[in-house]
Amino acid sequence: DLSTSAGMDVLANVPDVLAIHEGIVVSAIAMGELGVTLIVSHGDYFSVFTDLEEATVTSKDKVSAGDLIGKSMAGETSEYKFHIEIWKDTEKLFPGAWISCE
């Protein structure tokens, strides 16, 4: 159900995770076996990336749309996988409109 989804899993052929919009990195936290969680502020909006192998940015870094911000974990097949959430203040939004599948 998209109206209650807190995000989506993204499968890709390459490990690169790119910023979806210009912003400032709020945090990049290693969560053990859960991988790295990365939060980027875009004013009133936040993008939250989880299941990352590594972050290539650190707290307070400025990013532009399309900048490399991390590397995703290998999935169960030959694909790479990460999770993304979009938040406006405390409201969760479906991230499909924010990401590019190029």
N, C-alpha and C. Protein backbone atom coordinates (compact mmCIF):
# COMPACT_ATOMS: atom_id res chain seq x y z
N ASP A 1 0.85 -1.18 0.00
CA ASP A 1 0.00 0.00 0.00
C ASP A 1 0.89 1.23 0.00
N LEU A 2 0.87 1.99 -1.08
CA LEU A 2 1.75 3.14 -1.22
C LEU A 2 1.43 4.24 -0.23
N SER A 3 0.20 4.36 0.20
CA SER A 3 -0.17 5.44 1.10
C SER A 3 0.41 5.26 2.50
N THR A 4 0.77 4.04 2.86
CA THR A 4 1.34 3.80 4.18
C THR A 4 2.79 3.36 4.12
N SER A 5 3.35 3.29 2.93
CA SER A 5 4.73 2.84 2.78
C SER A 5 5.69 3.85 3.39
N ALA A 6 6.68 3.33 4.08
CA ALA A 6 7.71 4.20 4.64
C ALA A 6 8.89 4.29 3.69
N GLY A 7 8.77 3.75 2.50
CA GLY A 7 9.87 3.80 1.57
C GLY A 7 9.81 2.67 0.57
N MET A 8 10.94 2.46 -0.10
CA MET A 8 11.00 1.40 -1.09
C MET A 8 12.40 0.84 -1.18
N ASP A 9 12.46 -0.44 -1.53
CA ASP A 9 13.74 -1.08 -1.80
C ASP A 9 14.07 -0.84 -3.27
N VAL A 10 15.31 -0.51 -3.53
CA VAL A 10 15.76 -0.23 -4.89
C VAL A 10 16.78 -1.29 -5.28
N LEU A 11 16.57 -1.92 -6.43
CA LEU A 11 17.52 -2.87 -6.99
C LEU A 11 18.21 -2.19 -8.16
N ALA A 12 19.53 -2.36 -8.25
CA ALA A 12 20.29 -1.69 -9.31
C ALA A 12 21.39 -2.62 -9.82
N ASN A 13 21.89 -2.30 -11.00
CA ASN A 13 22.98 -3.08 -11.60
C ASN A 13 24.35 -2.59 -11.15
N VAL A 14 24.40 -1.41 -10.56
CA VAL A 14 25.66 -0.82 -10.07
C VAL A 14 25.48 -0.45 -8.60
N PRO A 15 26.56 -0.40 -7.84
CA PRO A 15 26.43 -0.11 -6.41
C PRO A 15 26.26 1.37 -6.06
N ASP A 16 26.47 2.27 -7.01
CA ASP A 16 26.46 3.70 -6.71
C ASP A 16 25.09 4.19 -6.25
N VAL A 17 25.07 4.92 -5.13
CA VAL A 17 23.86 5.56 -4.62
C VAL A 17 24.08 7.06 -4.76
N LEU A 18 23.14 7.73 -5.43
CA LEU A 18 23.30 9.15 -5.75
C LEU A 18 22.30 10.00 -4.98
N ALA A 19 22.72 11.23 -4.68
CA ALA A 19 21.82 12.18 -4.03
C ALA A 19 20.65 12.48 -4.96
N ILE A 20 19.44 12.56 -4.40
CA ILE A 20 18.26 12.80 -5.22
C ILE A 20 17.99 14.28 -5.44
N HIS A 21 18.63 15.14 -4.63
CA HIS A 21 18.40 16.58 -4.71
C HIS A 21 19.52 17.24 -3.93
N GLU A 22 19.73 18.52 -4.16
CA GLU A 22 20.78 19.19 -3.38
C GLU A 22 20.39 19.21 -1.90
N GLY A 23 21.39 19.17 -1.04
CA GLY A 23 21.10 19.17 0.38
C GLY A 23 22.36 19.10 1.21
N ILE A 24 22.18 18.85 2.50
CA ILE A 24 23.28 18.74 3.45
C ILE A 24 23.15 17.41 4.19
N VAL A 25 24.25 16.69 4.28
CA VAL A 25 24.25 15.41 4.98
C VAL A 25 24.07 15.67 6.48
N VAL A 26 23.04 15.06 7.05
CA VAL A 26 22.77 15.19 8.48
C VAL A 26 23.58 14.16 9.25
N SER A 27 23.58 12.92 8.77
CA SER A 27 24.34 11.88 9.45
C SER A 27 24.62 10.71 8.52
N ALA A 28 25.69 10.02 8.84
CA ALA A 28 26.05 8.75 8.20
C ALA A 28 26.50 7.84 9.33
N ILE A 29 25.68 6.85 9.63
CA ILE A 29 25.91 6.01 10.81
C ILE A 29 26.02 4.55 10.40
N ALA A 30 27.10 3.90 10.81
CA ALA A 30 27.26 2.46 10.59
C ALA A 30 26.43 1.73 11.63
N MET A 31 25.57 0.81 11.15
CA MET A 31 24.64 0.09 12.03
C MET A 31 24.97 -1.41 12.06
N GLY A 32 26.24 -1.75 12.04
CA GLY A 32 26.66 -3.16 12.10
C GLY A 32 26.19 -3.94 10.89
N GLU A 33 25.55 -5.08 11.12
CA GLU A 33 25.08 -5.94 10.02
C GLU A 33 24.00 -5.27 9.17
N LEU A 34 23.36 -4.23 9.70
CA LEU A 34 22.32 -3.51 8.95
C LEU A 34 22.92 -2.54 7.94
N GLY A 35 24.22 -2.39 7.95
CA GLY A 35 24.87 -1.49 7.01
C GLY A 35 24.88 -0.06 7.51
N VAL A 36 25.08 0.85 6.58
CA VAL A 36 25.16 2.28 6.89
C VAL A 36 23.82 2.94 6.61
N THR A 37 23.40 3.82 7.52
CA THR A 37 22.21 4.65 7.31
C THR A 37 22.69 6.07 7.06
N LEU A 38 22.15 6.68 6.02
CA LEU A 38 22.56 8.01 5.59
C LEU A 38 21.33 8.90 5.52
N ILE A 39 21.39 10.09 6.14
CA ILE A 39 20.26 11.03 6.13
C ILE A 39 20.74 12.33 5.51
N VAL A 40 20.00 12.81 4.51
CA VAL A 40 20.31 14.08 3.84
C VAL A 40 19.13 15.01 4.01
N SER A 41 19.40 16.24 4.43
CA SER A 41 18.36 17.26 4.58
C SER A 41 18.24 18.05 3.29
N HIS A 42 17.00 18.25 2.86
CA HIS A 42 16.69 19.07 1.69
C HIS A 42 15.71 20.15 2.12
N GLY A 43 16.05 20.94 3.11
CA GLY A 43 15.12 21.93 3.65
C GLY A 43 14.09 21.24 4.53
N ASP A 44 12.81 21.30 4.13
CA ASP A 44 11.74 20.64 4.89
C ASP A 44 11.67 19.14 4.63
N TYR A 45 12.44 18.64 3.67
CA TYR A 45 12.42 17.24 3.28
C TYR A 45 13.72 16.55 3.71
N PHE A 46 13.61 15.25 3.96
CA PHE A 46 14.78 14.43 4.26
C PHE A 46 14.75 13.19 3.40
N SER A 47 15.90 12.81 2.86
CA SER A 47 16.02 11.50 2.23
C SER A 47 16.83 10.62 3.17
N VAL A 48 16.34 9.40 3.37
CA VAL A 48 16.96 8.45 4.29
C VAL A 48 17.31 7.20 3.49
N PHE A 49 18.59 6.86 3.48
CA PHE A 49 19.07 5.69 2.76
C PHE A 49 19.56 4.68 3.79
N THR A 50 19.12 3.43 3.67
CA THR A 50 19.60 2.38 4.57
C THR A 50 20.11 1.20 3.74
N ASP A 51 20.72 0.26 4.42
CA ASP A 51 21.29 -0.93 3.78
C ASP A 51 22.43 -0.58 2.84
N LEU A 52 23.20 0.45 3.19
CA LEU A 52 24.36 0.82 2.38
C LEU A 52 25.60 0.08 2.87
N GLU A 53 26.45 -0.28 1.94
CA GLU A 53 27.75 -0.88 2.28
C GLU A 53 28.66 0.18 2.89
N GLU A 54 28.60 1.39 2.32
CA GLU A 54 29.42 2.48 2.82
C GLU A 54 28.83 3.82 2.41
N ALA A 55 29.16 4.85 3.16
CA ALA A 55 28.82 6.23 2.79
C ALA A 55 30.08 6.86 2.24
N THR A 56 29.94 7.65 1.18
CA THR A 56 31.09 8.36 0.61
C THR A 56 31.06 9.83 1.00
N VAL A 57 30.14 10.19 1.89
CA VAL A 57 30.02 11.54 2.41
C VAL A 57 29.99 11.46 3.93
N THR A 58 30.17 12.60 4.57
CA THR A 58 30.12 12.65 6.03
C THR A 58 29.19 13.79 6.46
N SER A 59 28.88 13.81 7.72
CA SER A 59 27.99 14.82 8.29
C SER A 59 28.46 16.23 7.91
N LYS A 60 27.50 17.06 7.53
CA LYS A 60 27.68 18.47 7.14
C LYS A 60 28.20 18.67 5.72
N ASP A 61 28.45 17.57 4.97
CA ASP A 61 28.84 17.72 3.56
C ASP A 61 27.66 18.27 2.77
N LYS A 62 27.94 19.17 1.84
CA LYS A 62 26.93 19.66 0.90
C LYS A 62 26.94 18.75 -0.31
N VAL A 63 25.75 18.38 -0.80
CA VAL A 63 25.64 17.52 -1.97
C VAL A 63 24.71 18.16 -2.99
N SER A 64 24.92 17.81 -4.24
CA SER A 64 24.05 18.22 -5.33
C SER A 64 23.36 16.99 -5.89
N ALA A 65 22.25 17.19 -6.58
CA ALA A 65 21.56 16.07 -7.21
C ALA A 65 22.53 15.32 -8.11
N GLY A 66 22.57 14.01 -7.97
CA GLY A 66 23.43 13.19 -8.80
C GLY A 66 24.81 12.92 -8.22
N ASP A 67 25.16 13.57 -7.11
CA ASP A 67 26.45 13.30 -6.47
C ASP A 67 26.45 11.90 -5.86
N LEU A 68 27.60 11.24 -5.94
CA LEU A 68 27.77 9.94 -5.29
C LEU A 68 27.79 10.15 -3.78
N ILE A 69 26.88 9.47 -3.07
CA ILE A 69 26.82 9.61 -1.62
C ILE A 69 27.08 8.29 -0.89
N GLY A 70 27.05 7.18 -1.61
CA GLY A 70 27.29 5.90 -0.97
C GLY A 70 27.33 4.76 -1.96
N LYS A 71 27.58 3.58 -1.40
CA LYS A 71 27.60 2.34 -2.17
C LYS A 71 26.62 1.37 -1.52
N SER A 72 25.79 0.75 -2.35
CA SER A 72 24.78 -0.17 -1.82
C SER A 72 25.36 -1.57 -1.62
N MET A 73 24.65 -2.35 -0.80
CA MET A 73 25.05 -3.72 -0.54
C MET A 73 24.67 -4.62 -1.70
N ALA A 74 25.39 -5.70 -1.85
CA ALA A 74 25.03 -6.69 -2.86
C ALA A 74 23.75 -7.39 -2.42
N GLY A 75 22.83 -7.58 -3.37
CA GLY A 75 21.58 -8.27 -3.07
C GLY A 75 21.76 -9.78 -3.14
N GLU A 76 20.64 -10.48 -3.11
CA GLU A 76 20.69 -11.95 -3.13
C GLU A 76 21.10 -12.48 -4.50
N THR A 77 20.90 -11.69 -5.54
CA THR A 77 21.34 -12.08 -6.88
C THR A 77 22.56 -11.23 -7.21
N SER A 78 22.79 -10.96 -8.45
CA SER A 78 23.95 -10.14 -8.83
C SER A 78 23.62 -8.65 -8.74
N GLU A 79 22.41 -8.32 -8.33
CA GLU A 79 22.02 -6.92 -8.22
C GLU A 79 22.47 -6.33 -6.89
N TYR A 80 22.45 -5.00 -6.84
CA TYR A 80 22.72 -4.28 -5.60
C TYR A 80 21.40 -3.76 -5.06
N LYS A 81 21.33 -3.60 -3.75
CA LYS A 81 20.05 -3.23 -3.14
C LYS A 81 20.27 -2.22 -2.01
N PHE A 82 19.37 -1.23 -1.95
CA PHE A 82 19.32 -0.33 -0.80
C PHE A 82 17.88 0.10 -0.58
N HIS A 83 17.62 0.73 0.54
CA HIS A 83 16.28 1.18 0.90
C HIS A 83 16.31 2.70 0.96
N ILE A 84 15.25 3.34 0.46
CA ILE A 84 15.16 4.80 0.52
C ILE A 84 13.81 5.21 1.08
N GLU A 85 13.83 6.24 1.91
CA GLU A 85 12.62 6.85 2.44
C GLU A 85 12.71 8.36 2.23
N ILE A 86 11.56 8.99 2.02
CA ILE A 86 11.47 10.45 1.91
C ILE A 86 10.51 10.93 2.99
N TRP A 87 10.93 11.93 3.73
CA TRP A 87 10.12 12.49 4.80
C TRP A 87 9.98 13.99 4.59
N LYS A 88 8.78 14.51 4.80
CA LYS A 88 8.55 15.96 4.87
C LYS A 88 8.14 16.23 6.31
N ASP A 89 9.06 16.85 7.04
CA ASP A 89 8.90 17.01 8.48
C ASP A 89 8.70 15.60 9.08
N THR A 90 7.51 15.28 9.59
CA THR A 90 7.27 13.95 10.17
C THR A 90 6.36 13.09 9.29
N GLU A 91 6.05 13.57 8.10
CA GLU A 91 5.17 12.83 7.17
C GLU A 91 6.01 12.01 6.20
N LYS A 92 5.71 10.72 6.09
CA LYS A 92 6.43 9.88 5.14
C LYS A 92 5.78 9.99 3.78
N LEU A 93 6.63 10.07 2.74
CA LEU A 93 6.17 10.21 1.36
C LEU A 93 6.69 9.05 0.53
N PHE A 94 5.97 8.69 -0.51
CA PHE A 94 6.44 7.64 -1.40
C PHE A 94 7.60 8.20 -2.24
N PRO A 95 8.75 7.53 -2.24
CA PRO A 95 9.94 8.09 -2.91
C PRO A 95 9.99 7.91 -4.42
N GLY A 96 9.04 7.18 -5.00
CA GLY A 96 9.10 6.91 -6.43
C GLY A 96 9.22 8.14 -7.31
N ALA A 97 8.57 9.23 -6.94
CA ALA A 97 8.62 10.46 -7.73
C ALA A 97 9.96 11.18 -7.59
N TRP A 98 10.76 10.80 -6.61
CA TRP A 98 12.01 11.50 -6.33
C TRP A 98 13.23 10.84 -6.95
N ILE A 99 13.10 9.58 -7.34
CA ILE A 99 14.30 8.88 -7.81
C ILE A 99 14.25 8.64 -9.31
N SER A 100 15.44 8.56 -9.88
CA SER A 100 15.59 8.30 -11.30
C SER A 100 16.10 6.89 -11.49
N CYS A 101 15.63 6.22 -12.51
CA CYS A 101 16.05 4.84 -12.78
C CYS A 101 17.02 4.77 -13.95
N GLU A 102 17.83 5.78 -14.12
CA GLU A 102 18.80 5.81 -15.22
C GLU A 102 19.98 4.93 -14.95
